């Protein structure tokens, strides 16, 4: 069973503390949703887990191995995958090539069709298109999520995956997360109520700290009915 441990993780920029002494132990085949108001450090924490940012202090262990200073490429090699809130575009790289890079091998057309159909796209219409500004924000987002599925990663991190996704494809997202948690340690940054309701475990960040953590039943029972809408407005 895969295990990810964050021990006393802090992150500061000049004199501003973004995260302070974060301690979390996360396990395989579990969907964790990290939520909190704007500026609470959610995305920063996700990027530290992926190795995009390095913590100011603290340690990160994966299966009891210290990975604190492994960069994003090194973490990808040990099975980490990340979907950005705003997907990074690649000039000259087709969707099929991107899926091949993610899977680390040549995908058959049927494989591409499987990954893309899970996010509501037809492979025939997309595999030869470049992953660039000619695609809409929603298309870019869905294709990026497909690349995470192609990775077959041990740890999957999705930063606000609902951004730019329409209602019909939002239901597809919920199905993806429900299936993904059966295969990996799945972390989703979100304040969407339906995603919170799908979680096995919810982590609330506030003022650079973990304010609360517990099962969906424990956390949602103590949240007011308008909590998620307040988070969207950046209030609490």
Protein backbone atom coordinates (compact mmCIF):
# COMPACT_ATOMS: atom_id res chain seq x y z
CA UNK A 1 0.00 0.00 0.00
CA UNK A 2 1.35 3.41 -1.00
CA UNK A 3 1.73 6.00 1.74
CA UNK A 4 2.53 9.71 1.47
CA UNK A 5 3.68 11.60 4.57
CA UNK A 6 4.09 15.35 5.00
CA UNK A 7 5.95 16.27 8.17
CA UNK A 8 6.06 19.88 9.42
CA UNK A 9 5.80 21.29 5.90
CA UNK A 10 6.14 25.08 5.79
CA UNK A 11 6.40 27.44 2.84
CA UNK A 12 7.24 31.14 3.02
CA UNK A 13 7.70 33.83 0.39
CA UNK A 14 9.76 36.69 1.78
CA UNK A 15 7.93 37.58 5.00
CA UNK A 16 4.62 35.90 4.09
CA UNK A 17 3.78 32.45 5.45
CA UNK A 18 1.76 30.43 2.93
CA UNK A 19 1.89 27.10 4.79
CA UNK A 20 3.00 26.42 8.34
CA UNK A 21 3.77 23.04 9.93
CA UNK A 22 1.47 20.94 7.77
CA UNK A 23 1.33 17.31 8.93
CA UNK A 24 -0.59 14.79 6.83
CA UNK A 25 -0.45 11.05 6.25
CA UNK A 26 -2.27 9.94 3.10
CA UNK A 27 -2.92 6.39 1.94
CA UNK A 28 -3.50 4.46 -1.27
CA UNK A 29 -6.94 3.88 -2.81
CA UNK A 30 -8.38 6.93 -1.09
CA UNK A 31 -9.85 10.16 -2.44
CA UNK A 32 -8.68 13.18 -0.46
CA UNK A 33 -10.26 16.55 -1.16
CA UNK A 34 -8.31 19.59 0.03
CA UNK A 35 -10.51 22.65 0.41
CA UNK A 36 -10.46 26.10 1.99
CA UNK A 37 -10.95 29.73 1.13
CA UNK A 38 -8.88 31.56 -1.50
CA UNK A 39 -5.31 32.11 -0.34
CA UNK A 40 -5.38 29.29 2.21
CA UNK A 41 -2.47 27.50 0.50
CA UNK A 42 -4.31 24.70 -1.33
CA UNK A 43 -2.52 25.01 -4.68
CA UNK A 44 0.82 25.67 -2.99
CA UNK A 45 0.43 22.44 -1.02
CA UNK A 46 -0.46 20.51 -4.18
CA UNK A 47 2.62 21.89 -5.98
CA UNK A 48 4.86 20.99 -3.03
CA UNK A 49 3.53 17.41 -3.09
CA UNK A 50 4.29 17.22 -6.82
CA UNK A 51 7.77 18.77 -6.48
CA UNK A 52 6.96 21.91 -8.47
CA UNK A 53 7.77 23.94 -5.35
CA UNK A 54 10.18 23.04 -2.57
CA UNK A 55 9.11 23.56 1.06
CA UNK A 56 10.92 26.14 3.15
CA UNK A 57 11.14 23.49 5.87
CA UNK A 58 9.81 20.03 6.62
CA UNK A 59 10.03 16.60 5.00
CA UNK A 60 8.02 14.55 2.51
CA UNK A 61 8.17 10.75 2.48
CA UNK A 62 6.69 8.36 -0.07
CA UNK A 63 6.62 4.75 1.07
CA UNK A 64 9.12 5.72 3.81
CA UNK A 65 11.59 7.17 1.29
CA UNK A 66 12.55 10.84 1.66
CA UNK A 67 11.48 12.61 -1.55
CA UNK A 68 11.58 16.17 -0.20
CA UNK A 69 14.06 17.42 -2.77
CA UNK A 70 13.03 15.33 -5.77
CA UNK A 71 11.92 17.59 -8.62
CA UNK A 72 8.77 17.18 -10.71
CA UNK A 73 10.45 14.88 -13.28
CA UNK A 74 11.86 12.61 -10.58
CA UNK A 75 8.49 12.38 -8.85
CA UNK A 76 6.82 11.57 -12.16
CA UNK A 77 9.21 8.63 -12.50
CA UNK A 78 8.08 7.20 -9.17
CA UNK A 79 4.43 7.50 -10.10
CA UNK A 80 3.21 11.05 -9.41
CA UNK A 81 0.87 12.85 -11.83
CA UNK A 82 -0.48 16.40 -11.73
CA UNK A 83 -3.30 18.23 -13.51
CA UNK A 84 -2.87 22.01 -13.32
CA UNK A 85 -5.68 24.44 -12.64
CA UNK A 86 -4.63 26.16 -15.88
CA UNK A 87 -3.20 23.50 -18.25
CA UNK A 88 0.23 24.18 -19.75
CA UNK A 89 0.05 24.36 -23.56
CA UNK A 90 2.62 22.72 -25.86
CA UNK A 91 3.22 24.16 -29.31
CA UNK A 92 3.76 21.49 -31.95
CA UNK A 93 2.77 18.54 -29.76
CA UNK A 94 -0.36 16.64 -30.74
CA UNK A 95 -2.82 15.19 -28.27
CA UNK A 96 -1.74 11.66 -29.27
CA UNK A 97 1.93 12.52 -28.65
CA UNK A 98 1.02 14.00 -25.26
CA UNK A 99 -0.82 10.81 -24.30
CA UNK A 100 2.19 8.75 -25.45
CA UNK A 101 4.55 10.85 -23.32
CA UNK A 102 2.25 10.46 -20.33
CA UNK A 103 1.96 6.70 -20.79
CA UNK A 104 5.67 6.42 -21.62
CA UNK A 105 4.93 4.28 -24.65
CA UNK A 106 3.15 4.36 -28.01
CA UNK A 107 -0.60 4.21 -27.50
CA UNK A 108 -2.85 2.41 -29.94
CA UNK A 109 -5.77 4.41 -31.32
CA UNK A 110 -8.13 2.33 -29.15
CA UNK A 111 -6.12 3.29 -26.04
CA UNK A 112 -6.33 6.99 -26.93
CA UNK A 113 -10.04 6.58 -27.55
CA UNK A 114 -10.46 5.01 -24.11
CA UNK A 115 -8.63 7.83 -22.29
CA UNK A 116 -10.36 10.60 -24.22
CA UNK A 117 -13.83 9.08 -24.08
CA UNK A 118 -13.60 9.04 -20.28
CA UNK A 119 -13.39 12.83 -20.39
CA UNK A 120 -16.15 13.15 -22.99
CA UNK A 121 -14.02 13.58 -26.13
CA UNK A 122 -13.86 11.58 -29.37
CA UNK A 123 -10.31 10.48 -30.22
CA UNK A 124 -10.94 10.79 -33.95
CA UNK A 125 -11.58 14.51 -33.52
CA UNK A 126 -8.64 15.25 -31.24
CA UNK A 127 -5.63 12.91 -31.49
CA UNK A 128 -4.02 14.83 -34.38
CA UNK A 129 -4.75 18.29 -32.99
CA UNK A 130 -2.07 20.33 -31.23
CA UNK A 131 -2.42 20.93 -27.51
CA UNK A 132 -2.49 24.72 -27.82
CA UNK A 133 -4.72 27.80 -27.83
CA UNK A 134 -6.80 26.49 -30.72
CA UNK A 135 -8.52 24.30 -28.15
CA UNK A 136 -11.01 25.77 -25.71
CA UNK A 137 -10.24 25.98 -22.00
CA UNK A 138 -12.62 23.12 -21.29
CA UNK A 139 -11.05 20.94 -24.01
CA UNK A 140 -7.54 21.62 -22.69
CA UNK A 141 -8.67 20.75 -19.17
CA UNK A 142 -10.28 17.48 -20.22
CA UNK A 143 -7.30 16.41 -22.34
CA UNK A 144 -4.94 17.13 -19.45
CA UNK A 145 -7.07 14.94 -17.18
CA UNK A 146 -6.88 12.23 -19.86
CA UNK A 147 -3.07 12.42 -19.72
CA UNK A 148 -3.22 11.82 -15.96
CA UNK A 149 -5.35 8.73 -16.57
CA UNK A 150 -2.81 7.56 -19.17
CA UNK A 151 -0.02 7.85 -16.60
CA UNK A 152 -1.60 5.11 -14.44
CA UNK A 153 0.07 6.89 -11.54
CA UNK A 154 0.40 5.89 -7.90
CA UNK A 155 -0.41 9.46 -6.76
CA UNK A 156 -2.79 11.63 -8.82
CA UNK A 157 -3.20 15.33 -8.00
CA UNK A 158 -5.95 17.46 -9.58
CA UNK A 159 -5.91 21.20 -8.92
CA UNK A 160 -9.48 22.57 -9.23
CA UNK A 161 -10.33 20.17 -12.07
CA UNK A 162 -13.86 21.56 -12.37
CA UNK A 163 -12.58 24.91 -13.72
CA UNK A 164 -13.88 25.42 -17.25
CA UNK A 165 -15.82 22.14 -17.23
CA UNK A 166 -19.49 22.29 -18.23
CA UNK A 167 -22.23 20.56 -16.26
CA UNK A 168 -22.43 17.40 -18.40
CA UNK A 169 -18.68 16.82 -18.26
CA UNK A 170 -18.65 17.64 -14.54
CA UNK A 171 -20.64 14.45 -14.01
CA UNK A 172 -17.94 12.66 -16.05
CA UNK A 173 -15.36 14.11 -13.66
CA UNK A 174 -17.13 12.62 -10.67
CA UNK A 175 -17.09 9.21 -12.34
CA UNK A 176 -13.36 9.57 -13.09
CA UNK A 177 -12.54 10.37 -9.46
CA UNK A 178 -14.73 7.54 -8.20
CA UNK A 179 -12.83 5.11 -10.44
CA UNK A 180 -9.40 6.66 -9.91
CA UNK A 181 -9.52 6.29 -6.13
CA UNK A 182 -9.81 2.53 -6.59
CA UNK A 183 -6.41 2.52 -8.31
CA UNK A 184 -4.34 5.24 -6.65
CA UNK A 185 -3.87 7.80 -3.93
CA UNK A 186 -6.03 10.58 -5.34
CA UNK A 187 -5.83 14.23 -4.22
CA UNK A 188 -8.30 16.83 -5.50
CA UNK A 189 -8.14 20.55 -4.74
CA UNK A 190 -11.72 21.79 -4.82
CA UNK A 191 -14.54 23.62 -3.08
CA UNK A 192 -17.29 22.05 -5.20
CA UNK A 193 -19.93 20.44 -3.00
CA UNK A 194 -20.40 17.37 -5.23
CA UNK A 195 -16.66 16.63 -5.14
CA UNK A 196 -16.61 17.07 -1.36
CA UNK A 197 -19.49 14.60 -1.13
CA UNK A 198 -17.49 12.07 -3.16
CA UNK A 199 -14.41 12.30 -0.91
CA UNK A 200 -13.27 9.61 1.49
CA UNK A 201 -11.38 12.20 3.50
CA UNK A 202 -11.60 16.01 3.57
CA UNK A 203 -8.80 18.39 4.57
CA UNK A 204 -9.67 22.04 5.28
CA UNK A 205 -6.87 24.60 5.09
CA UNK A 206 -7.19 27.98 6.79
CA UNK A 207 -4.59 30.62 7.66
CA UNK A 208 -1.72 28.42 6.40
CA UNK A 209 -2.71 25.49 8.65
CA UNK A 210 -4.83 22.35 8.56
CA UNK A 211 -7.95 23.55 10.33
CA UNK A 212 -9.81 20.25 10.13
CA UNK A 213 -9.33 16.78 8.69
CA UNK A 214 -11.64 13.81 8.80
CA UNK A 215 -13.97 11.54 6.93
CA UNK A 216 -16.62 12.98 4.67
CA UNK A 217 -19.23 12.13 7.29
CA UNK A 218 -17.30 13.86 10.08
CA UNK A 219 -16.51 17.03 8.12
CA UNK A 220 -19.70 17.60 6.12
CA UNK A 221 -21.88 17.11 9.19
CA UNK A 222 -20.24 20.17 10.74
CA UNK A 223 -20.27 22.44 7.70
CA UNK A 224 -23.07 24.91 7.18
CA UNK A 225 -25.21 24.50 4.07
CA UNK A 226 -23.70 27.60 2.42
CA UNK A 227 -20.05 26.81 3.25
CA UNK A 228 -19.07 25.89 -0.31
CA UNK A 229 -20.62 29.03 -1.78
CA UNK A 230 -18.70 31.12 0.76
CA UNK A 231 -15.47 29.39 -0.26
CA UNK A 232 -16.12 30.29 -3.89
CA UNK A 233 -16.42 33.94 -2.88
CA UNK A 234 -13.20 33.69 -0.87
CA UNK A 235 -14.95 34.09 2.48
CA UNK A 236 -15.43 31.89 5.51
